[in-house]
Every structure is written in structure tokens, then in C-alpha cells.
Amino acid sequence: MNTLEQKLNDLDNVGAVVELTAEEAEMLGLTIETAENEEDALNARFDEVENG
């Protein structure tokens, strides 16, 4: 099993945190997080709800 395939399988685990490379994220059509720190990244998950 290749690395990306294993990462996708890991997503089936509740609470799993899976890190992707920029290339993997692009391949999957995902956006890349550009927050300067972890707190900003976690808070960004509410942006769409607040701005929507």
C-alpha cells in the first residue's frame, strides 16, 4: 500500500489527524492551510460559518 493510500485509510479512524504534503493535497483537490500557527489554523475552521 502506498503512503497516500495509507493516509486515506487512516482517515477512517475517529479523531485521526492525517498530514498531507502539498502535492498530495493538490492531487486530492484540497486547499492548503496557510495559517501562521496551529491556533490560527484551528480557528479558521469557523471562518466559513461566520462569513457565510
PDB file of N, CA and C in Angstrom:
ATOM      1  N   MET A   1       0.856  -1.179   0.000  1.00  0.00           N
ATOM      2  CA  MET A   1       0.000   0.000   0.000  1.00  0.00           C
ATOM      3  C   MET A   1       0.897   1.236   0.000  1.00  0.00           C
ATOM      4  N   ASN A   2       0.594   2.202  -0.852  1.00  0.00           N
ATOM      5  CA  ASN A   2       1.439   3.400  -0.905  1.00  0.00           C
ATOM      6  C   ASN A   2       1.088   4.355   0.232  1.00  0.00           C
ATOM      7  N   THR A   3       1.909   5.335   0.428  1.00  0.00           N
ATOM      8  CA  THR A   3       1.768   6.257   1.543  1.00  0.00           C
ATOM      9  C   THR A   3       0.441   7.015   1.498  1.00  0.00           C
ATOM     10  N   LEU A   4       0.068   7.560   0.357  1.00  0.00           N
ATOM     11  CA  LEU A   4      -1.179   8.310   0.242  1.00  0.00           C
ATOM     12  C   LEU A   4      -2.367   7.401   0.521  1.00  0.00           C
ATOM     13  N   GLU A   5      -2.344   6.209  -0.012  1.00  0.00           N
ATOM     14  CA  GLU A   5      -3.434   5.268   0.224  1.00  0.00           C
ATOM     15  C   GLU A   5      -3.565   4.956   1.720  1.00  0.00           C
ATOM     16  N   GLN A   6      -2.451   4.789   2.403  1.00  0.00           N
ATOM     17  CA  GLN A   6      -2.476   4.528   3.845  1.00  0.00           C
ATOM     18  C   GLN A   6      -3.045   5.734   4.596  1.00  0.00           C
ATOM     19  N   LYS A   7      -2.650   6.930   4.195  1.00  0.00           N
ATOM     20  CA  LYS A   7      -3.159   8.135   4.842  1.00  0.00           C
ATOM     21  C   LYS A   7      -4.670   8.230   4.681  1.00  0.00           C
ATOM     22  N   LEU A   8      -5.172   7.920   3.498  1.00  0.00           N
ATOM     23  CA  LEU A   8      -6.615   7.974   3.263  1.00  0.00           C
ATOM     24  C   LEU A   8      -7.338   6.924   4.098  1.00  0.00           C
ATOM     25  N   ASN A   9      -6.737   5.751   4.245  1.00  0.00           N
ATOM     26  CA  ASN A   9      -7.320   4.717   5.103  1.00  0.00           C
ATOM     27  C   ASN A   9      -7.326   5.162   6.558  1.00  0.00           C
ATOM     28  N   ASP A  10      -6.293   5.881   6.975  1.00  0.00           N
ATOM     29  CA  ASP A  10      -6.209   6.363   8.355  1.00  0.00           C
ATOM     30  C   ASP A  10      -7.341   7.324   8.690  1.00  0.00           C
ATOM     31  N   LEU A  11      -7.891   7.999   7.690  1.00  0.00           N
ATOM     32  CA  LEU A  11      -8.984   8.939   7.920  1.00  0.00           C
ATOM     33  C   LEU A  11     -10.247   8.252   8.427  1.00  0.00           C
ATOM     34  N   ASP A  12     -10.324   6.928   8.278  1.00  0.00           N
ATOM     35  CA  ASP A  12     -11.473   6.184   8.794  1.00  0.00           C
ATOM     36  C   ASP A  12     -11.468   6.088  10.311  1.00  0.00           C
ATOM     37  N   ASN A  13     -10.352   6.413  10.941  1.00  0.00           N
ATOM     38  CA  ASN A  13     -10.235   6.349  12.394  1.00  0.00           C
ATOM     39  C   ASN A  13     -10.712   7.660  13.002  1.00  0.00           C
ATOM     40  N   VAL A  14     -11.718   7.563  13.867  1.00  0.00           N
ATOM     41  CA  VAL A  14     -12.277   8.752  14.512  1.00  0.00           C
ATOM     42  C   VAL A  14     -11.176   9.490  15.269  1.00  0.00           C
ATOM     43  N   GLY A  15     -11.097  10.797  15.044  1.00  0.00           N
ATOM     44  CA  GLY A  15     -10.120  11.629  15.728  1.00  0.00           C
ATOM     45  C   GLY A  15      -8.735  11.602  15.108  1.00  0.00           C
ATOM     46  N   ALA A  16      -8.581  10.898  14.004  1.00  0.00           N
ATOM     47  CA  ALA A  16      -7.268  10.806  13.363  1.00  0.00           C
ATOM     48  C   ALA A  16      -6.865  12.161  12.797  1.00  0.00           C
ATOM     49  N   VAL A  17      -5.597  12.473  12.930  1.00  0.00           N
ATOM     50  CA  VAL A  17      -5.022  13.658  12.312  1.00  0.00           C
ATOM     51  C   VAL A  17      -4.057  13.143  11.261  1.00  0.00           C
ATOM     52  N   VAL A  18      -4.328  13.476  10.019  1.00  0.00           N
ATOM     53  CA  VAL A  18      -3.522  12.979   8.912  1.00  0.00           C
ATOM     54  C   VAL A  18      -2.905  14.172   8.199  1.00  0.00           C
ATOM     55  N   GLU A  19      -1.592  14.182   8.135  1.00  0.00           N
ATOM     56  CA  GLU A  19      -0.886  15.271   7.453  1.00  0.00           C
ATOM     57  C   GLU A  19      -0.584  14.866   6.022  1.00  0.00           C
ATOM     58  N   LEU A  20      -0.886  15.769   5.104  1.00  0.00           N
ATOM     59  CA  LEU A  20      -0.618  15.547   3.688  1.00  0.00           C
ATOM     60  C   LEU A  20       0.457  16.513   3.216  1.00  0.00           C
ATOM     61  N   THR A  21       1.212  16.092   2.233  1.00  0.00           N
ATOM     62  CA  THR A  21       2.155  17.010   1.605  1.00  0.00           C
ATOM     63  C   THR A  21       1.358  17.942   0.700  1.00  0.00           C
ATOM     64  N   ALA A  22       1.964  19.013   0.277  1.00  0.00           N
ATOM     65  CA  ALA A  22       1.308  19.942  -0.643  1.00  0.00           C
ATOM     66  C   ALA A  22       0.902  19.225  -1.925  1.00  0.00           C
ATOM     67  N   GLU A  23       1.748  18.342  -2.394  1.00  0.00           N
ATOM     68  CA  GLU A  23       1.458  17.602  -3.626  1.00  0.00           C
ATOM     69  C   GLU A  23       0.265  16.669  -3.442  1.00  0.00           C
ATOM     70  N   GLU A  24       0.192  15.988  -2.288  1.00  0.00           N
ATOM     71  CA  GLU A  24      -0.931  15.095  -2.018  1.00  0.00           C
ATOM     72  C   GLU A  24      -2.227  15.879  -1.925  1.00  0.00           C
ATOM     73  N   ALA A  25      -2.192  17.017  -1.240  1.00  0.00           N
ATOM     74  CA  ALA A  25      -3.385  17.852  -1.099  1.00  0.00           C
ATOM     75  C   ALA A  25      -3.868  18.344  -2.456  1.00  0.00           C
ATOM     76  N   GLU A  26      -2.944  18.775  -3.278  1.00  0.00           N
ATOM     77  CA  GLU A  26      -3.312  19.253  -4.611  1.00  0.00           C
ATOM     78  C   GLU A  26      -3.907  18.123  -5.445  1.00  0.00           C
ATOM     79  N   MET A  27      -3.318  16.939  -5.343  1.00  0.00           N
ATOM     80  CA  MET A  27      -3.799  15.781  -6.085  1.00  0.00           C
ATOM     81  C   MET A  27      -5.244  15.434  -5.693  1.00  0.00           C
ATOM     82  N   LEU A  28      -5.587  15.670  -4.432  1.00  0.00           N
ATOM     83  CA  LEU A  28      -6.924  15.365  -3.926  1.00  0.00           C
ATOM     84  C   LEU A  28      -7.888  16.539  -4.079  1.00  0.00           C
ATOM     85  N   GLY A  29      -7.391  17.673  -4.591  1.00  0.00           N
ATOM     86  CA  GLY A  29      -8.241  18.841  -4.791  1.00  0.00           C
ATOM     87  C   GLY A  29      -8.530  19.594  -3.506  1.00  0.00           C
ATOM     88  N   LEU A  30      -7.652  19.479  -2.530  1.00  0.00           N
ATOM     89  CA  LEU A  30      -7.830  20.142  -1.240  1.00  0.00           C
ATOM     90  C   LEU A  30      -7.072  21.459  -1.211  1.00  0.00           C
ATOM     91  N   THR A  31      -7.517  22.361  -0.368  1.00  0.00           N
ATOM     92  CA  THR A  31      -6.785  23.608  -0.197  1.00  0.00           C
ATOM     93  C   THR A  31      -5.656  23.390   0.800  1.00  0.00           C
ATOM     94  N   ILE A  32      -4.658  24.188   0.729  1.00  0.00           N
ATOM     95  CA  ILE A  32      -3.507  24.084   1.615  1.00  0.00           C
ATOM     96  C   ILE A  32      -3.638  25.129   2.707  1.00  0.00           C
ATOM     97  N   GLU A  33      -3.457  24.708   3.953  1.00  0.00           N
ATOM     98  CA  GLU A  33      -3.554  25.614   5.096  1.00  0.00           C
ATOM     99  C   GLU A  33      -2.379  26.576   5.085  1.00  0.00           C
ATOM    100  N   THR A  34      -2.669  27.858   5.212  1.00  0.00           N
ATOM    101  CA  THR A  34      -1.609  28.867   5.186  1.00  0.00           C
ATOM    102  C   THR A  34      -1.522  29.642   6.497  1.00  0.00           C
ATOM    103  N   ALA A  35      -2.172  29.135   7.538  1.00  0.00           N
ATOM    104  CA  ALA A  35      -2.117  29.810   8.839  1.00  0.00           C
ATOM    105  C   ALA A  35      -0.680  29.845   9.346  1.00  0.00           C
ATOM    106  N   GLU A  36      -0.373  30.881  10.102  1.00  0.00           N
ATOM    107  CA  GLU A  36       0.981  31.035  10.608  1.00  0.00           C
ATOM    108  C   GLU A  36       1.256  30.201  11.848  1.00  0.00           C
ATOM    109  N   ASN A  37       0.189  29.746  12.518  1.00  0.00           N
ATOM    110  CA  ASN A  37       0.391  28.896  13.687  1.00  0.00           C
ATOM    111  C   ASN A  37      -0.820  27.979  13.842  1.00  0.00           C
ATOM    112  N   GLU A  38      -0.695  26.995  14.745  1.00  0.00           N
ATOM    113  CA  GLU A  38      -1.740  25.995  14.907  1.00  0.00           C
ATOM    114  C   GLU A  38      -3.054  26.606  15.409  1.00  0.00           C
ATOM    115  N   GLU A  39      -2.977  27.580  16.303  1.00  0.00           N
ATOM    116  CA  GLU A  39      -4.193  28.210  16.829  1.00  0.00           C
ATOM    117  C   GLU A  39      -4.986  28.885  15.709  1.00  0.00           C
ATOM    118  N   ASP A  40      -4.293  29.617  14.831  1.00  0.00           N
ATOM    119  CA  ASP A  40      -4.969  30.262  13.702  1.00  0.00           C
ATOM    120  C   ASP A  40      -5.592  29.219  12.776  1.00  0.00           C
ATOM    121  N   ALA A  41      -4.888  28.118  12.564  1.00  0.00           N
ATOM    122  CA  ALA A  41      -5.408  27.056  11.706  1.00  0.00           C
ATOM    123  C   ALA A  41      -6.680  26.466  12.291  1.00  0.00           C
ATOM    124  N   LEU A  42      -6.681  26.196  13.592  1.00  0.00           N
ATOM    125  CA  LEU A  42      -7.867  25.636  14.235  1.00  0.00           C
ATOM    126  C   LEU A  42      -9.026  26.627  14.218  1.00  0.00           C
ATOM    127  N   ASN A  43      -8.750  27.897  14.435  1.00  0.00           N
ATOM    128  CA  ASN A  43      -9.803  28.903  14.428  1.00  0.00           C
ATOM    129  C   ASN A  43     -10.376  29.140  13.034  1.00  0.00           C
ATOM    130  N   ALA A  44      -9.605  28.877  12.013  1.00  0.00           N
ATOM    131  CA  ALA A  44     -10.049  29.100  10.629  1.00  0.00           C
ATOM    132  C   ALA A  44     -11.215  28.207  10.252  1.00  0.00           C
ATOM    133  N   ARG A  45     -11.404  27.105  10.956  1.00  0.00           N
ATOM    134  CA  ARG A  45     -12.499  26.199  10.618  1.00  0.00           C
ATOM    135  C   ARG A  45     -13.861  26.865  10.801  1.00  0.00           C
ATOM    136  N   PHE A  46     -13.911  27.969  11.549  1.00  0.00           N
ATOM    137  CA  PHE A  46     -15.176  28.680  11.777  1.00  0.00           C
ATOM    138  C   PHE A  46     -15.386  29.821  10.780  1.00  0.00           C
ATOM    139  N   ASP A  47     -14.392  30.154   9.981  1.00  0.00           N
ATOM    140  CA  ASP A  47     -14.487  31.289   9.069  1.00  0.00           C
ATOM    141  C   ASP A  47     -15.680  31.204   8.129  1.00  0.00           C
ATOM    142  N   GLU A  48     -15.901  30.041   7.535  1.00  0.00           N
ATOM    143  CA  GLU A  48     -16.983  29.897   6.564  1.00  0.00           C
ATOM    144  C   GLU A  48     -18.342  30.092   7.230  1.00  0.00           C
ATOM    145  N   VAL A  49     -18.504  29.593   8.446  1.00  0.00           N
ATOM    146  CA  VAL A  49     -19.764  29.727   9.158  1.00  0.00           C
ATOM    147  C   VAL A  49     -20.019  31.189   9.508  1.00  0.00           C
ATOM    148  N   GLU A  50     -18.985  31.878  10.019  1.00  0.00           N
ATOM    149  CA  GLU A  50     -19.128  33.274  10.416  1.00  0.00           C
ATOM    150  C   GLU A  50     -19.327  34.189   9.211  1.00  0.00           C
ATOM    151  N   ASN A  51     -18.623  33.902   8.115  1.00  0.00           N
ATOM    152  CA  ASN A  51     -18.677  34.766   6.946  1.00  0.00           C
ATOM    153  C   ASN A  51     -19.765  34.360   5.966  1.00  0.00           C
ATOM    154  N   GLY A  52     -20.327  33.178   6.146  1.00  0.00           N
ATOM    155  CA  GLY A  52     -21.306  32.638   5.197  1.00  0.00           C
ATOM    156  C   GLY A  52     -22.585  33.320   5.282  1.00  0.00           C
TER     157      GLY A  52
END
